Amino acid sequence: MTVSSTPFSEGFVVSSKSPSTHILSLGSVAKSFAGLKAVNDVSLDVHQNSLTALIGPNGAGKTTLFALISGFIKPDTGTIEYNGVDITGVAPFDNARNGLTRTFQIVQPFAGQTVLENVAVGAHLHFTKRSLALEYASHVIEKMGLLPHARKLSSDLTIAFRKRLELAKALATQPKLILLDEVLAGLNPREIQEMIPLVKSLVTEGVTVLMIEHVMQAVMNLAEKVYVLDHGALIAEGTPSEVTQNEMVIEAYLGKGTAERLNRKSAKLDMKAHP
């Protein structure tokens, strides 16, 4: 596969593969802990240059699936392919070097370092020279709206800016595929609205996104495709509007009231888009 990178401006490594191809494919992936099936025979595909959501109730196995994909734990059975290469069980640092990285639901920045220094840690994956890593990091934090906080200790940031920092640290590794684990969790409605364009911009820049998210209105606005996980197994997949009308999803996760509200809002948006 031929890979080209843009000048930092737009700072991410962009694949020359067709957008219709799969950048990530899971085949019958399973993982048990002490006899409990945390992930049960999951198969899914993520298209290049797309934004895909993984939703489901707490304890459904979503974060465990991210840990399997990124290499933090190994599956008991099944295969994980990234850009057509079997990466099942490959270590996280090797995956990151090859363009597959993730964020974490509970953000834990390096508290004694500044925002700029935190992001430079990710940049050092590709820049051994400190000055170049810092320069690249400064461009990333500018894109994430963190430049005014560059010299601030990360421990002094609000939760909203810590979420941005977590995203910036991952972007500094120059990913082709990024796994976002509840990047909107803990944010108020205004902060969510400010974060949504940043997440959307990733795909514009050539980064494929697979995200776990409970903020369903954001999922409706962002995702092209949604997979629904419950008790470790996939129970539905489709467009956001399709899954919110799926009876199994409504029963296992959304509830009728939430599903009806989401579908009403979706219908209003469709009417505005196609008057």
Protein backbone atom coordinates (compact mmCIF):
# COMPACT_ATOMS: atom_id res chain seq x y z
CA MET A 1 0.00 0.00 0.00
CA THR A 2 1.30 3.44 -0.91
CA VAL A 3 1.05 5.99 1.87
CA SER A 4 1.60 9.70 1.47
CA SER A 5 1.60 12.38 4.12
CA THR A 6 0.44 15.94 3.76
CA PRO A 7 2.47 18.86 5.15
CA PHE A 8 1.55 19.18 8.76
CA SER A 9 -1.15 21.54 8.00
CA GLU A 10 -3.27 18.95 7.82
CA GLY A 11 -0.96 16.86 9.61
CA PHE A 12 -2.12 13.33 9.32
CA VAL A 13 -0.89 10.42 7.24
CA VAL A 14 -3.45 9.73 4.56
CA SER A 15 -3.77 6.42 2.81
CA SER A 16 -4.11 6.25 -0.96
CA LYS A 17 -6.44 3.26 -0.71
CA SER A 18 -9.97 3.60 -1.99
CA PRO A 19 -12.48 4.88 0.60
CA SER A 20 -14.64 1.83 -0.14
CA THR A 21 -12.10 -0.63 1.29
CA HIS A 22 -12.04 -1.90 4.87
CA ILE A 23 -9.31 -0.51 7.08
CA LEU A 24 -10.42 -2.78 9.94
CA SER A 25 -12.03 -6.22 9.85
CA LEU A 26 -12.86 -8.45 12.80
CA GLY A 27 -13.68 -12.10 12.24
CA SER A 28 -15.44 -14.05 15.02
CA VAL A 29 -13.42 -12.39 17.80
CA ALA A 30 -14.04 -13.74 21.30
CA LYS A 31 -12.59 -13.15 24.76
CA SER A 32 -13.50 -14.65 28.13
CA PHE A 33 -12.47 -13.73 31.65
CA ALA A 34 -12.92 -16.42 34.31
CA GLY A 35 -15.47 -18.16 32.15
CA LEU A 36 -17.46 -15.00 31.41
CA LYS A 37 -17.76 -14.12 27.71
CA ALA A 38 -16.81 -10.45 27.56
CA VAL A 39 -16.72 -10.50 23.75
CA ASN A 40 -18.61 -13.24 21.97
CA ASP A 41 -18.04 -14.05 18.27
CA VAL A 42 -17.89 -10.44 17.05
CA SER A 43 -17.40 -9.77 13.34
CA LEU A 44 -17.44 -6.25 11.92
CA ASP A 45 -15.89 -4.08 9.23
CA VAL A 46 -14.88 -0.42 9.30
CA HIS A 47 -14.56 1.36 5.97
CA GLN A 48 -11.60 3.59 5.20
CA ASN A 49 -12.28 7.33 5.77
CA SER A 50 -15.50 6.70 7.67
CA LEU A 51 -16.85 7.38 11.14
CA THR A 52 -18.37 4.28 12.72
CA ALA A 53 -19.95 4.08 16.17
CA LEU A 54 -20.05 1.18 18.63
CA ILE A 55 -22.86 1.53 21.15
CA GLY A 56 -24.48 -0.57 23.85
CA PRO A 57 -25.21 -0.66 27.57
CA ASN A 58 -22.52 -0.48 30.24
CA GLY A 59 -20.76 -3.82 30.56
CA ALA A 60 -21.59 -4.83 26.99
CA GLY A 61 -17.91 -5.44 26.13
CA LYS A 62 -17.22 -2.31 24.09
CA THR A 63 -14.01 -1.22 25.83
CA THR A 64 -12.80 -4.82 25.93
CA LEU A 65 -13.27 -4.95 22.17
CA PHE A 66 -11.16 -1.80 21.83
CA ALA A 67 -8.46 -3.40 23.98
CA LEU A 68 -8.49 -6.44 21.68
CA ILE A 69 -8.26 -4.36 18.51
CA SER A 70 -5.45 -2.17 19.80
CA GLY A 71 -3.45 -5.08 21.22
CA PHE A 72 -3.69 -4.46 24.95
CA ILE A 73 -5.17 -7.95 25.35
CA LYS A 74 -5.25 -10.94 23.03
CA PRO A 75 -8.44 -12.63 21.85
CA ASP A 76 -9.08 -16.28 22.68
CA THR A 77 -10.30 -16.89 19.14
CA GLY A 78 -10.88 -14.93 15.96
CA THR A 79 -8.85 -12.58 13.78
CA ILE A 80 -8.26 -8.84 13.62
CA GLU A 81 -7.10 -7.36 10.32
CA TYR A 82 -5.85 -3.81 9.85
CA ASN A 83 -5.25 -2.60 6.30
CA GLY A 84 -5.47 -6.20 5.13
CA VAL A 85 -2.79 -7.44 7.56
CA ASP A 86 -3.52 -9.84 10.43
CA ILE A 87 -2.62 -7.94 13.63
CA THR A 88 -4.22 -10.35 16.09
CA GLY A 89 -2.23 -10.06 19.30
CA VAL A 90 0.20 -7.44 17.95
CA ALA A 91 1.49 -5.16 20.72
CA PRO A 92 -0.06 -1.68 21.11
CA PHE A 93 3.19 0.19 20.38
CA ASP A 94 3.61 -1.68 17.09
CA ASN A 95 0.01 -0.93 16.15
CA ALA A 96 0.52 2.74 17.02
CA ARG A 97 3.64 2.91 14.88
CA ASN A 98 1.60 1.50 12.00
CA GLY A 99 -1.17 4.05 12.43
CA LEU A 100 -3.70 2.39 14.75
CA THR A 101 -4.15 4.18 18.05
CA ARG A 102 -6.79 4.76 20.72
CA THR A 103 -7.95 7.10 23.44
CA PHE A 104 -9.15 6.07 26.89
CA GLN A 105 -12.45 6.67 28.61
CA ILE A 106 -10.74 7.77 31.84
CA VAL A 107 -8.22 10.39 30.77
CA GLN A 108 -4.89 10.27 32.60
CA PRO A 109 -2.53 12.94 31.26
CA PHE A 110 1.01 13.28 32.56
CA ALA A 111 0.02 15.63 35.36
CA GLY A 112 3.49 17.09 35.93
CA GLN A 113 3.92 18.04 32.28
CA THR A 114 2.47 20.88 30.25
CA VAL A 115 -0.12 20.38 27.55
CA LEU A 116 2.58 20.78 24.89
CA GLU A 117 4.86 18.26 26.59
CA ASN A 118 2.02 15.73 26.89
CA VAL A 119 1.29 15.88 23.17
CA ALA A 120 4.99 15.73 22.30
CA VAL A 121 5.07 12.26 23.90
CA GLY A 122 2.87 11.02 21.07
CA ALA A 123 4.85 12.97 18.48
CA HIS A 124 8.06 11.24 19.55
CA LEU A 125 6.72 8.05 17.97
CA HIS A 126 7.86 9.48 14.64
CA PHE A 127 10.20 12.34 15.63
CA THR A 128 13.29 11.43 17.62
CA LYS A 129 14.55 15.03 17.73
CA ARG A 130 12.93 16.92 20.61
CA SER A 131 12.57 20.20 18.71
CA LEU A 132 10.70 18.50 15.87
CA ALA A 133 8.42 16.62 18.26
CA LEU A 134 7.55 19.85 20.05
CA GLU A 135 6.95 21.66 16.77
CA TYR A 136 4.62 18.92 15.56
CA ALA A 137 2.86 18.83 18.92
CA SER A 138 2.22 22.57 18.76
CA HIS A 139 0.42 22.16 15.42
CA VAL A 140 -1.73 19.36 16.86
CA ILE A 141 -2.75 21.34 19.93
CA GLU A 142 -3.62 24.30 17.71
CA LYS A 143 -5.99 22.10 15.72
CA MET A 144 -7.59 20.92 18.97
CA GLY A 145 -8.08 24.47 20.27
CA LEU A 146 -5.50 23.98 23.01
CA LEU A 147 -2.86 26.49 21.93
CA PRO A 148 -3.78 29.05 24.62
CA HIS A 149 -3.17 26.29 27.20
CA ALA A 150 0.11 25.01 25.73
CA ARG A 151 2.24 26.02 28.71
CA LYS A 152 -0.34 25.09 31.32
CA LEU A 153 0.13 21.95 33.43
CA SER A 154 -2.29 19.27 32.25
CA SER A 155 -3.43 18.80 35.86
CA ASP A 156 -4.87 22.33 35.75
CA LEU A 157 -7.17 21.65 32.78
CA THR A 158 -10.94 21.27 33.02
CA ILE A 159 -12.41 17.88 32.04
CA ALA A 160 -13.44 19.32 28.65
CA PHE A 161 -9.88 20.36 27.85
CA ARG A 162 -8.48 17.12 29.25
CA LYS A 163 -10.68 15.31 26.73
CA ARG A 164 -9.21 17.46 23.96
CA LEU A 165 -5.74 16.73 25.28
CA GLU A 166 -6.42 13.00 25.21
CA LEU A 167 -7.46 13.32 21.58
CA ALA A 168 -4.44 15.49 20.76
CA LYS A 169 -2.03 12.96 22.29
CA ALA A 170 -3.47 10.26 20.05
CA LEU A 171 -3.42 12.46 16.94
CA ALA A 172 0.24 13.29 17.51
CA THR A 173 1.05 9.65 16.67
CA GLN A 174 -0.25 10.33 13.11
CA PRO A 175 -2.98 7.68 13.07
CA LYS A 176 -4.79 6.27 10.08
CA LEU A 177 -7.37 4.65 12.38
CA ILE A 178 -8.27 6.02 15.79
CA LEU A 179 -10.45 4.33 18.40
CA LEU A 180 -12.27 6.93 20.51
CA ASP A 181 -13.53 5.61 23.84
CA GLU A 182 -16.31 7.91 25.10
CA VAL A 183 -14.56 11.11 24.13
CA LEU A 184 -17.76 13.04 24.97
CA ALA A 185 -18.36 11.47 28.40
CA GLY A 186 -18.59 13.95 31.26
CA LEU A 187 -19.09 16.98 29.02
CA ASN A 188 -22.01 19.36 29.27
CA PRO A 189 -24.22 20.06 26.21
CA ARG A 190 -22.23 23.15 25.16
CA GLU A 191 -18.91 21.29 25.44
CA ILE A 192 -20.33 18.38 23.43
CA GLN A 193 -21.39 20.77 20.67
CA GLU A 194 -17.86 22.22 20.65
CA MET A 195 -16.25 18.78 20.49
CA ILE A 196 -18.41 17.37 17.66
CA PRO A 197 -16.75 19.47 14.89
CA LEU A 198 -13.31 18.36 16.11
CA VAL A 199 -14.32 14.71 15.81
CA LYS A 200 -15.87 15.33 12.38
CA SER A 201 -12.69 17.02 11.19
CA LEU A 202 -10.67 13.84 11.73
CA VAL A 203 -12.36 12.07 8.82
CA THR A 204 -11.93 15.16 6.63
CA GLU A 205 -8.21 14.95 7.38
CA GLY A 206 -8.06 11.28 6.30
CA VAL A 207 -8.32 9.60 9.71
CA THR A 208 -10.81 6.75 10.05
CA VAL A 209 -12.75 6.81 13.33
CA LEU A 210 -14.33 4.00 15.34
CA MET A 211 -15.95 5.47 18.44
CA ILE A 212 -17.67 4.18 21.56
CA GLU A 213 -20.26 6.69 22.64
CA HIS A 214 -23.31 6.95 24.91
CA VAL A 215 -24.32 10.44 23.78
CA MET A 216 -26.81 9.22 21.23
CA GLN A 217 -27.60 12.59 19.69
CA ALA A 218 -23.90 12.89 18.84
CA VAL A 219 -23.94 9.39 17.37
CA MET A 220 -26.91 10.35 15.21
CA ASN A 221 -25.03 13.43 13.98
CA LEU A 222 -21.62 11.86 13.48
CA ALA A 223 -21.82 8.19 12.54
CA GLU A 224 -22.30 6.75 9.09
CA LYS A 225 -22.71 3.25 10.49
CA VAL A 226 -23.49 1.93 13.96
CA TYR A 227 -22.80 -1.45 15.57
CA VAL A 228 -24.69 -2.39 18.74
CA LEU A 229 -23.11 -4.66 21.34
CA ASP A 230 -24.97 -6.33 24.21
CA HIS A 231 -23.58 -8.97 26.59
CA GLY A 232 -20.51 -9.25 24.39
CA ALA A 233 -22.40 -10.01 21.16
CA LEU A 234 -23.46 -7.85 18.25
CA ILE A 235 -27.23 -7.53 18.14
CA ALA A 236 -27.65 -4.99 15.34
CA GLU A 237 -25.87 -2.91 12.73
CA GLY A 238 -26.92 -0.24 10.27
CA THR A 239 -27.33 3.48 9.89
CA PRO A 240 -28.14 5.49 13.02
CA SER A 241 -31.79 5.76 12.03
CA GLU A 242 -31.98 2.02 11.37
CA VAL A 243 -30.55 0.94 14.71
CA THR A 244 -32.71 3.38 16.69
CA GLN A 245 -35.77 1.70 15.18
CA ASN A 246 -34.50 -1.83 15.88
CA GLU A 247 -36.64 -3.49 18.56
CA MET A 248 -33.71 -5.44 20.04
CA VAL A 249 -31.70 -2.23 20.41
CA ILE A 250 -34.64 -0.40 21.96
CA GLU A 251 -35.18 -3.19 24.47
CA ALA A 252 -31.52 -3.77 25.35
CA TYR A 253 -30.24 -0.21 25.36
CA LEU A 254 -32.25 2.81 24.25
CA GLY A 255 -35.70 2.37 25.73
CA LYS A 256 -38.79 3.42 23.81
CA GLY A 257 -38.80 7.04 24.98
CA THR A 258 -35.21 7.73 23.91
CA ALA A 259 -35.69 5.92 20.60
CA GLU A 260 -38.80 7.95 19.80
CA ARG A 261 -37.07 11.24 20.62
CA LEU A 262 -34.04 10.37 18.48
CA ASN A 263 -36.20 9.33 15.56
CA ARG A 264 -38.27 12.53 15.78
CA LYS A 265 -35.10 14.63 15.73
CA SER A 266 -33.73 12.57 12.85
CA ALA A 267 -36.94 13.09 10.86
CA LYS A 268 -36.76 16.86 11.46
CA LEU A 269 -33.17 16.96 10.24
CA ASP A 270 -34.13 15.01 7.12
CA MET A 271 -36.95 17.48 6.43
CA LYS A 272 -34.56 20.42 6.73
CA ALA A 273 -32.04 18.71 4.46
CA HIS A 274 -34.70 17.78 1.88
CA PRO A 275 -37.44 20.43 2.06
